[in-house]
Protein backbone atom coordinates (compact mmCIF):
# COMPACT_ATOMS: atom_id res chain seq x y z
CA UNK A 1 0.03 -0.24 -0.04
CA UNK A 2 0.96 3.65 -0.89
CA UNK A 3 0.79 5.97 2.50
CA UNK A 4 1.19 9.79 2.82
CA UNK A 5 2.58 10.96 6.06
CA UNK A 6 0.30 13.24 7.15
CA UNK A 7 -3.92 12.30 8.12
CA UNK A 8 -6.85 14.75 6.48
CA UNK A 9 -7.09 16.60 9.60
CA UNK A 10 -3.46 17.43 9.76
CA UNK A 11 -2.77 18.08 5.72
CA UNK A 12 -6.12 20.46 5.96
CA UNK A 13 -4.59 22.69 8.19
CA UNK A 14 -1.40 22.82 6.01
CA UNK A 15 -3.51 23.61 3.10
CA UNK A 16 -4.73 26.37 5.00
CA UNK A 17 -1.51 27.90 5.10
CA UNK A 18 -0.28 26.82 2.36
CA UNK A 19 -2.96 26.38 -0.86
CA UNK A 20 -2.87 23.71 -3.48
CA UNK A 21 -1.15 22.89 -5.16
CA UNK A 22 2.33 21.68 -3.80
CA UNK A 23 4.58 19.08 -3.12
CA UNK A 24 5.73 17.75 -0.11
CA UNK A 25 8.58 16.05 1.00
CA UNK A 26 9.46 14.08 3.74
CA UNK A 27 13.15 14.91 5.75
CA UNK A 28 13.03 11.58 8.28
CA UNK A 29 12.30 9.00 4.70
CA UNK A 30 15.02 10.62 2.79
CA UNK A 31 17.26 10.38 5.68
CA UNK A 32 16.44 6.96 6.72
CA UNK A 33 16.47 5.56 3.55
CA UNK A 34 20.02 7.63 2.71
CA UNK A 35 21.35 5.75 5.98
CA UNK A 36 20.03 2.71 4.27
CA UNK A 37 21.37 3.00 1.19
CA UNK A 38 24.86 3.98 2.38
CA UNK A 39 25.45 1.35 5.27
CA UNK A 40 24.33 -1.64 2.20
CA UNK A 41 27.24 -0.30 -0.12
CA UNK A 42 29.34 0.41 2.30
CA UNK A 43 30.52 -3.12 1.86
CA UNK A 44 32.43 -1.09 -1.42
CA UNK A 45 35.66 0.41 -1.01
CA UNK A 46 36.21 4.19 -0.90
CA UNK A 47 31.76 4.23 -1.94
CA UNK A 48 30.29 7.47 -2.12
CA UNK A 49 26.66 9.03 -3.38
CA UNK A 50 26.68 11.77 -5.67
CA UNK A 51 22.79 12.69 -5.13
CA UNK A 52 21.71 13.19 -8.66
CA UNK A 53 20.86 17.17 -8.50
CA UNK A 54 18.54 17.30 -11.34
CA UNK A 55 16.37 15.04 -9.43
CA UNK A 56 15.02 17.38 -6.86
CA UNK A 57 17.16 20.60 -6.95
CA UNK A 58 16.28 22.32 -3.68
CA UNK A 59 18.95 23.32 -1.50
CA UNK A 60 17.47 22.54 1.68
CA UNK A 61 17.22 18.99 0.66
CA UNK A 62 20.71 18.83 -1.01
CA UNK A 63 22.38 20.17 2.68
CA UNK A 64 20.04 17.29 4.16
CA UNK A 65 21.50 14.62 1.72
CA UNK A 66 25.31 16.33 2.79
CA UNK A 67 23.92 16.41 6.15
CA UNK A 68 24.02 12.48 5.27
CA UNK A 69 27.39 11.83 3.53
CA UNK A 70 26.29 12.43 -0.34
CA UNK A 71 27.93 14.33 -2.89
CA UNK A 72 26.44 15.96 -5.47
CA UNK A 73 26.53 15.13 -9.80
CA UNK A 74 25.72 18.33 -11.47
CA UNK A 75 24.58 18.22 -14.79
CA UNK A 76 24.97 22.51 -15.22
CA UNK A 77 26.02 25.68 -13.98
CA UNK A 78 23.14 26.08 -12.25
CA UNK A 79 23.57 22.67 -10.59
CA UNK A 80 26.49 23.37 -9.72
CA UNK A 81 26.23 26.40 -8.04
CA UNK A 82 23.20 24.68 -6.13
CA UNK A 83 25.29 22.38 -4.71
CA UNK A 84 27.56 24.86 -4.01
CA UNK A 85 24.72 26.72 -1.66
CA UNK A 86 24.31 23.43 0.33
CA UNK A 87 28.00 23.46 1.06
CA UNK A 88 28.73 20.49 -1.09
CA UNK A 89 32.18 21.58 -2.65
CA UNK A 90 35.29 20.08 -4.06
CA UNK A 91 35.56 16.48 -5.35
CA UNK A 92 32.33 15.46 -4.13
CA UNK A 93 30.58 16.80 -6.30
CA UNK A 94 30.88 15.29 -10.35
CA UNK A 95 30.26 17.36 -13.07
CA UNK A 96 28.26 15.14 -15.73
CA UNK A 97 27.48 17.57 -19.22
CA UNK A 98 27.32 17.10 -22.18
CA UNK A 99 26.64 19.54 -25.35
CA UNK A 100 29.14 21.91 -22.19
CA UNK A 101 29.55 25.75 -23.09
CA UNK A 102 33.17 26.49 -21.85
CA UNK A 103 32.09 28.95 -19.06
CA UNK A 104 30.16 25.44 -17.05
CA UNK A 105 33.24 23.72 -17.20
CA UNK A 106 35.54 26.52 -16.12
CA UNK A 107 33.24 26.89 -13.23
CA UNK A 108 33.15 23.19 -12.24
CA UNK A 109 36.71 23.25 -12.33
CA UNK A 110 37.16 26.45 -10.53
CA UNK A 111 34.92 24.85 -7.80
CA UNK A 112 37.42 21.35 -8.07
CA UNK A 113 34.64 19.20 -9.48
CA UNK A 114 35.39 16.10 -10.91
CA UNK A 115 34.79 17.14 -14.85
CA UNK A 116 33.14 13.37 -16.36
CA UNK A 117 33.57 14.19 -20.73
CA UNK A 118 30.54 12.96 -22.41
CA UNK A 119 32.80 12.94 -25.90
CA UNK A 120 36.32 12.21 -27.48
CA UNK A 121 36.25 15.72 -28.70
CA UNK A 122 35.39 17.84 -25.76
CA UNK A 123 39.02 16.90 -24.17
CA UNK A 124 40.57 19.34 -26.36
CA UNK A 125 37.31 21.83 -25.94
CA UNK A 126 37.90 21.20 -22.10
CA UNK A 127 41.55 22.24 -22.43
CA UNK A 128 40.89 25.42 -24.64
CA UNK A 129 38.01 26.48 -22.13
CA UNK A 130 40.10 25.78 -18.88
CA UNK A 131 43.62 26.63 -20.04
CA UNK A 132 44.69 23.11 -19.16
CA UNK A 133 43.37 19.74 -18.15
CA UNK A 134 42.38 19.48 -14.63
CA UNK A 135 44.23 16.90 -13.02
CA UNK A 136 41.35 14.00 -12.17
CA UNK A 137 39.16 13.63 -15.06
CA UNK A 138 36.47 11.46 -15.15
CA UNK A 139 35.11 9.76 -19.03
CA UNK A 140 31.12 8.37 -19.79
CA UNK A 141 31.28 4.87 -21.55
CA UNK A 142 28.19 4.10 -23.83
CA UNK A 143 29.20 0.34 -24.75
CA UNK A 144 26.22 0.52 -27.35
CA UNK A 145 24.60 -2.32 -28.51
CA UNK A 146 27.02 -4.77 -25.70
CA UNK A 147 24.49 -3.37 -23.37
CA UNK A 148 20.34 -3.32 -23.45
CA UNK A 149 19.06 0.36 -22.22
CA UNK A 150 15.00 0.57 -21.48
CA UNK A 151 12.05 2.65 -22.58
CA UNK A 152 13.09 5.91 -20.54
CA UNK A 153 16.50 6.38 -21.80
CA UNK A 154 16.89 4.29 -24.71
CA UNK A 155 19.15 2.06 -26.13
CA UNK A 156 22.99 2.53 -26.06
CA UNK A 157 23.63 2.40 -29.25
CA UNK A 158 21.07 5.12 -30.16
CA UNK A 159 21.85 7.89 -27.26
CA UNK A 160 24.08 10.93 -27.78
CA UNK A 161 25.75 10.05 -24.27
CA UNK A 162 29.71 9.31 -23.88
CA UNK A 163 32.87 7.68 -25.75
CA UNK A 164 32.78 4.43 -27.68
CA UNK A 165 35.05 1.54 -26.39
CA UNK A 166 37.97 2.36 -28.62
CA UNK A 167 37.52 6.12 -27.64
CA UNK A 168 37.73 5.70 -23.97
CA UNK A 169 40.82 3.67 -24.57
CA UNK A 170 42.29 6.49 -26.15
CA UNK A 171 40.69 9.22 -24.98
CA UNK A 172 42.79 8.22 -21.05
CA UNK A 173 45.36 8.20 -23.36
CA UNK A 174 45.54 11.07 -24.85
CA UNK A 175 44.08 12.74 -20.97
CA UNK A 176 47.76 11.57 -19.47
CA UNK A 177 49.42 12.43 -21.95
CA UNK A 178 47.79 16.39 -21.69
CA UNK A 179 48.83 16.31 -17.96
CA UNK A 180 46.05 14.80 -16.33
CA UNK A 181 46.95 12.47 -13.12
CA UNK A 182 44.02 11.30 -11.93
CA UNK A 183 41.22 9.13 -13.92
CA UNK A 184 37.41 7.70 -13.31
CA UNK A 185 35.56 5.84 -15.38
CA UNK A 186 31.57 6.54 -15.54
CA UNK A 187 28.36 4.69 -17.43
CA UNK A 188 24.85 5.52 -17.68
CA UNK A 189 22.76 3.15 -19.63
CA UNK A 190 19.40 3.28 -18.21
CA UNK A 191 16.41 4.95 -16.08
CA UNK A 192 14.17 3.79 -13.32
CA UNK A 193 15.30 -0.61 -13.76
CA UNK A 194 14.25 -2.51 -11.28
CA UNK A 195 16.37 -5.52 -12.34
CA UNK A 196 18.52 -5.60 -9.56
CA UNK A 197 20.79 -8.35 -11.97
CA UNK A 198 20.89 -5.36 -14.32
CA UNK A 199 22.67 -3.34 -12.27
CA UNK A 200 25.54 -6.00 -11.16
CA UNK A 201 25.81 -6.82 -14.92
CA UNK A 202 26.89 -3.31 -14.90
CA UNK A 203 28.82 -2.98 -12.83
CA UNK A 204 31.05 -5.88 -13.62
CA UNK A 205 31.03 -3.93 -17.56
CA UNK A 206 32.84 -1.52 -16.01
CA UNK A 207 35.65 -3.75 -13.54
CA UNK A 208 35.95 -5.27 -16.73
CA UNK A 209 36.51 -2.30 -18.93
CA UNK A 210 38.59 -0.45 -16.05
CA UNK A 211 41.19 -3.68 -15.82
CA UNK A 212 41.32 -3.95 -19.66
CA UNK A 213 42.33 0.39 -19.33
CA UNK A 214 45.21 -0.79 -16.89
CA UNK A 215 46.47 -3.18 -18.88
CA UNK A 216 45.98 -1.58 -21.95
CA UNK A 217 47.45 1.71 -21.67
CA UNK A 218 49.29 1.87 -17.68
CA UNK A 219 46.20 4.03 -16.77
CA UNK A 220 44.95 3.13 -13.24
CA UNK A 221 41.32 4.05 -12.68
CA UNK A 222 40.78 6.08 -9.14
CA UNK A 223 37.09 5.09 -9.37
CA UNK A 224 34.25 3.76 -11.64
CA UNK A 225 30.99 5.18 -11.13
CA UNK A 226 27.66 3.15 -11.55
CA UNK A 227 25.54 5.71 -12.97
CA UNK A 228 21.69 6.12 -11.58
CA UNK A 229 19.32 3.79 -13.04
CA UNK A 230 17.90 1.90 -10.24
CA UNK A 231 13.95 2.24 -9.83
CA UNK A 232 11.60 2.79 -7.53
CA UNK A 233 8.01 0.52 -7.56
CA UNK A 234 6.09 2.91 -9.02
CA UNK A 235 3.08 0.89 -8.62
CA UNK A 236 1.58 -0.66 -5.55
CA UNK A 237 2.77 -4.24 -7.48
CA UNK A 238 6.23 -3.57 -7.65
CA UNK A 239 8.83 -4.93 -6.22
CA UNK A 240 11.55 -2.15 -4.74
CA UNK A 241 15.16 -2.84 -5.47
CA UNK A 242 16.68 -4.54 -2.36
CA UNK A 243 19.85 -2.58 -1.24
CA UNK A 244 21.71 -5.32 0.44
CA UNK A 245 21.20 -8.25 -2.78
CA UNK A 246 22.67 -5.38 -5.41
CA UNK A 247 25.50 -4.11 -2.62
CA UNK A 248 26.79 -7.79 -2.39
CA UNK A 249 25.76 -8.20 -6.07
CA UNK A 250 28.31 -5.61 -6.87
CA UNK A 251 30.30 -6.54 -4.35
CA UNK A 252 31.25 -10.09 -6.16
CA UNK A 253 31.86 -8.85 -9.21
CA UNK A 254 34.62 -6.61 -7.78
CA UNK A 255 36.08 -9.41 -6.18
CA UNK A 256 35.96 -11.41 -9.43
CA UNK A 257 37.53 -8.21 -11.66
CA UNK A 258 38.46 -5.48 -9.89
CA UNK A 259 40.61 -6.12 -6.93
CA UNK A 260 43.86 -6.22 -8.85
CA UNK A 261 43.17 -2.66 -10.43
CA UNK A 262 42.40 -0.84 -6.86
CA UNK A 263 39.24 0.65 -7.85
CA UNK A 264 36.50 2.76 -5.24
CA UNK A 265 32.91 2.77 -6.22
CA UNK A 266 30.78 5.64 -6.05
CA UNK A 267 26.34 5.65 -7.94
CA UNK A 268 25.06 8.68 -8.37
CA UNK A 269 21.29 7.74 -7.72
CA UNK A 270 18.24 10.95 -7.44
CA UNK A 271 15.13 9.09 -8.19
CA UNK A 272 16.20 5.82 -5.46
CA UNK A 273 16.83 8.46 -2.98
CA UNK A 274 14.02 11.19 -2.93
CA UNK A 275 11.31 9.85 -4.85
CA UNK A 276 9.24 8.01 -2.58
CA UNK A 277 9.01 10.36 -0.18
CA UNK A 278 8.24 12.95 -2.05
CA UNK A 279 3.73 13.83 -3.07
CA UNK A 280 2.41 16.06 -5.21
CA UNK A 281 -1.39 17.09 -3.50
CA UNK A 282 -4.08 18.91 -5.55
CA UNK A 283 -7.46 19.46 -5.03
CA UNK A 284 -10.53 18.08 -7.35
CA UNK A 285 -12.23 20.91 -8.72
CA UNK A 286 -13.67 20.00 -11.81
CA UNK A 287 -15.61 16.61 -12.63
CA UNK A 288 -16.47 16.19 -16.64
CA UNK A 289 -18.49 13.66 -18.32
CA UNK A 290 -18.18 13.37 -21.66
CA UNK A 291 -17.23 9.93 -23.26
CA UNK A 292 -15.25 9.35 -20.48
CA UNK A 293 -15.39 10.76 -16.69
CA UNK A 294 -13.09 13.54 -15.73
CA UNK A 295 -11.43 14.39 -12.38
CA UNK A 296 -10.06 17.64 -13.12
CA UNK A 297 -7.25 19.06 -10.46
CA UNK A 298 -6.05 22.34 -9.64
CA UNK A 299 -2.09 20.77 -10.86
CA UNK A 300 -1.08 19.62 -14.41
CA UNK A 301 1.45 18.55 -16.47
CA UNK A 302 3.67 21.73 -15.89
CA UNK A 303 3.62 20.74 -12.11
CA UNK A 304 4.71 16.91 -12.91
CA UNK A 305 5.35 16.14 -16.51
CA UNK A 306 5.76 12.73 -16.31
CA UNK A 307 2.61 11.07 -17.52
CA UNK A 308 2.04 12.95 -19.71
CA UNK A 309 6.06 12.69 -21.43
CA UNK A 310 6.57 8.95 -20.68
CA UNK A 311 3.23 7.34 -19.92
CA UNK A 312 4.58 6.83 -16.24
CA UNK A 313 2.66 5.51 -13.62
CA UNK A 314 2.06 7.16 -10.42
CA UNK A 315 -0.20 5.58 -7.59
CA UNK A 316 -3.21 8.29 -6.86
CA UNK A 317 -4.95 8.11 -3.58
CA UNK A 318 -7.70 10.40 -1.92
CA UNK A 319 -6.85 12.38 1.48
CA UNK A 320 -9.36 10.74 4.00
CA UNK A 321 -10.48 7.68 1.65
CA UNK A 322 -7.60 5.66 1.18
CA UNK A 323 -10.03 2.56 2.54
CA UNK A 324 -12.72 3.52 0.29
CA UNK A 325 -14.14 0.93 -2.56
CA UNK A 326 -12.91 1.71 -5.65
CA UNK A 327 -15.94 2.30 -7.38
CA UNK A 328 -15.44 4.99 -10.21
CA UNK A 329 -13.44 4.94 -13.29
CA UNK A 330 -11.87 8.53 -13.59
CA UNK A 331 -9.28 10.51 -16.74
CA UNK A 332 -7.43 12.40 -13.69
CA UNK A 333 -6.28 15.52 -15.83
CA UNK A 334 -4.87 19.24 -15.24
CA UNK A 335 -6.35 22.33 -17.57
CA UNK A 336 -3.61 22.61 -19.36
CA UNK A 337 -4.17 22.67 -23.40
CA UNK A 338 -3.00 19.65 -24.37
CA UNK A 339 -4.99 16.28 -24.37
CA UNK A 340 -1.67 14.56 -22.62
CA UNK A 341 -2.09 16.72 -19.53
CA UNK A 342 -3.42 13.34 -17.71
CA UNK A 343 -1.84 12.54 -14.39
CA UNK A 344 -3.78 9.32 -14.65
CA UNK A 345 -5.86 7.38 -17.72
CA UNK A 346 -9.07 5.14 -16.68
CA UNK A 347 -7.67 4.91 -12.68
CA UNK A 348 -9.91 2.97 -10.50
CA UNK A 349 -10.45 5.78 -7.76
CA UNK A 350 -13.28 6.50 -4.87
CA UNK A 351 -15.51 8.45 -6.04
CA UNK A 352 -13.93 11.54 -5.75
CA UNK A 353 -16.31 14.96 -4.97
CA UNK A 354 -14.88 18.61 -6.72
CA UNK A 355 -15.50 22.38 -5.89
CA UNK A 356 -13.75 24.77 -4.17
CA UNK A 357 -13.77 22.81 -1.56
CA UNK A 358 -12.75 19.10 -3.14
CA UNK A 359 -11.45 16.30 -2.41
CA UNK A 360 -7.72 16.33 -2.04
CA UNK A 361 -5.77 14.01 -4.18
CA UNK A 362 -2.36 12.58 -3.62
CA UNK A 363 0.06 12.16 -6.56
CA UNK A 364 2.55 9.36 -5.12
CA UNK A 365 6.37 8.96 -5.55
CA UNK A 366 7.03 12.28 -6.78
CA UNK A 367 9.81 13.49 -4.68
CA UNK A 368 12.58 12.40 -7.84
CA UNK A 369 11.63 14.57 -11.38
CA UNK A 370 8.54 15.81 -10.59
CA UNK A 371 8.94 20.07 -9.19
CA UNK A 372 12.62 20.14 -11.12
CA UNK A 373 10.65 19.51 -14.25
CA UNK A 374 7.82 22.17 -14.18
CA UNK A 375 7.22 24.46 -17.43
CA UNK A 376 5.35 27.24 -17.61
CA UNK A 377 3.61 26.48 -20.87
CA UNK A 378 0.35 28.55 -21.02
CA UNK A 379 1.76 30.61 -18.27
CA UNK A 380 1.03 28.04 -15.84
CA UNK A 381 2.57 29.00 -12.87
CA UNK A 382 4.77 26.22 -10.94
CA UNK A 383 3.91 25.09 -7.88
CA UNK A 384 6.22 25.64 -4.16
CA UNK A 385 7.70 22.96 -2.41
CA UNK A 386 7.09 21.76 1.49
CA UNK A 387 9.17 20.11 3.65
CA UNK A 388 7.95 17.49 6.64
CA UNK A 389 10.62 18.01 9.16
CA UNK A 390 11.18 15.18 11.87
CA UNK A 391 8.99 16.91 14.38
CA UNK A 392 6.07 16.64 12.33
CA UNK A 393 6.31 20.73 11.47
CA UNK A 394 5.85 21.80 7.75
CA UNK A 395 7.76 23.75 6.25
CA UNK A 396 8.20 26.02 2.55
CA UNK A 397 11.57 25.18 1.07
CA UNK A 398 10.08 27.18 -2.24
CA UNK A 399 7.38 29.40 -2.74
CA UNK A 400 4.63 28.86 -5.26
CA UNK A 401 5.49 31.33 -8.41
CA UNK A 402 3.68 33.86 -8.82
CA UNK A 403 2.28 36.35 -12.62
CA UNK A 404 5.35 39.04 -11.48
CA UNK A 405 8.65 35.75 -10.99
CA UNK A 406 6.68 34.91 -14.88
CA UNK A 407 7.18 38.70 -16.44
CA UNK A 408 10.41 39.46 -14.46
CA UNK A 409 12.55 38.18 -16.98
CA UNK A 410 10.42 39.86 -20.21
CA UNK A 411 11.79 43.27 -21.66
CA UNK A 412 8.59 45.37 -22.32
CA UNK A 413 8.15 48.09 -25.13
CA UNK A 414 6.62 50.86 -22.35
CA UNK A 415 4.33 52.05 -25.06
CA UNK A 416 2.41 48.50 -24.40
CA UNK A 417 2.71 48.73 -21.08
CA UNK A 418 0.46 51.13 -21.08
């Protein structure tokens, strides 16, 4: 069963202060989850988790994760600044970008982050941008048809990311010639994958490649980053990844392949860390009865685009009606002028009351790639974010956008303004 940490009465009090829609995150749940991950993976040498900032780019959350020993995985200048704002610095930051502007490479190097190059040609680009190659450099490997992908990230041979195998061998040799002293290897070949064996085989692939690089060109890799991609059980019937099983499988592969290479092991999980501990809270405003029954929320795809973009499943419950019979069949939709603005299609739910005092609808597992992927199409204003503290209090960590925010970047002709 999917649960929500606040009772209907307590949620009502929160809504009096912070009107819907909003995101709510559970600090205690996030902290306990990170502790479980770090405990399971402590069997691996020099293990470090670099939280994928793109999943939940809020410095209040990043500070919590830093407090629990996490670093940051950044993909843009803004994400670098967010990590720095949260007190995550130096080599606790990995900068894994693609099609990267020169100023972003310069900022990453200035902050002491580990630059993770996405393409062979970026070696020369990085050198020109920074005047020299940094002491430590990582490279992203794309195994092509040697590894299957999945529906979200696609097949590796069709993905825009990473070096081929021949390129990565030559790339490390070139980096050493240009002055790099320390090296790392990275890959990211799937997204939201629940199959533990898939991730163990990914680790095995990287460990074998690290050994090959050392044997062929004498470049010793300091660590491998297994990437992210570990999924969460969005559907109630899905089975969550067992951290201990995964960690022990990776350790077995390490013992078989990587011990002579002396590798450290890192990850860059995002969804797995915060996903189950965030919810989109919205009010049911309208019911439309045509060829189907529709429930219209005050949230829309601009707040949570995964269902509309990927057809992704997010479980939905109704506050106070968690045990009510599922007697209705609804499409749950938002107010965007796009027909794919749907949170659920033909979903069995209890009878939902609508209006200004309508039922409160909870969209589960929205703690990653939710508010972060929001946008302003139709002039929709993105909702705010709240944090449920371990003492039971609720604080605002990002206010909702206003029309003034939307207009702030516009240069308006004064005659039009009148």
